[in-house]
Amino acid sequence: MVIQTVPLSFLTADSSHDEQPDGDVLPHPYPDQWTRPYRPGPYRVAAAALLLMLASYLLFASLIVGLSGELHGAGVIVAATAGVIAFTLRILRTGVWVSADGLRHVRLLYTTTLPWARIQEVRTSQQPVRWLGLPRTVQGQALVLTPAHGGETRVLLTDHNADFLGRVEAFDMAADAIEDWADPAR
């Protein structure tokens, strides 16, 4: 009996990504739309999945509470669930987004948008960086933005944040893509 294996490339998420030659930056086909030039990392996606699982438990709890006759309590739980879902979506949206208009740095509580004319330089530097956004710092790489007309530099991405922890090649590709967006604009 001969067992044949069938390649199931449609089951892999990165099948189209594997076709890209090594070292090439992914093309940006829609320069007028805001685009994140990298994929969310596994830690960010895992945290979002756990929060959405919590939201499903909360919705089921609100159903049980609602069926028992406590509609006010069910409403409170549904509101808490909506808050958890909104928080999860915001976590997934955080990062650096680029377009022909400029660079947008989306954080958990606020967003900063700078047109390319107000950006002097975007570069990679070796410096102490925060590990997963916590107060602890480690030596690593950071993508740093220097605004035009003075101002303090801003750290956009690090190789130790939730998108790139343990994925140095992904950080290098994302930094190259963002630097590529910044170069032609000047």
Foldseek 3Di string as FASTA:
>chain_A
DDDDDDDDLVPDPCSVVVVDDPPDFDDDPAQADWAQSAAFAPQLVVVLVVLVVVLVVLLVVLVVCVVVPCPVVSVVSNVVSVVSNVQSVLSRPAAWIHHQQFIWGRDSPDIDTDGLVQWDAWDKDWDWDDAQPDPDTDTFIFTWTATPPHDDIDTRDTCRHRRRPVNVSRVVSSSVVVRVSNVVSD
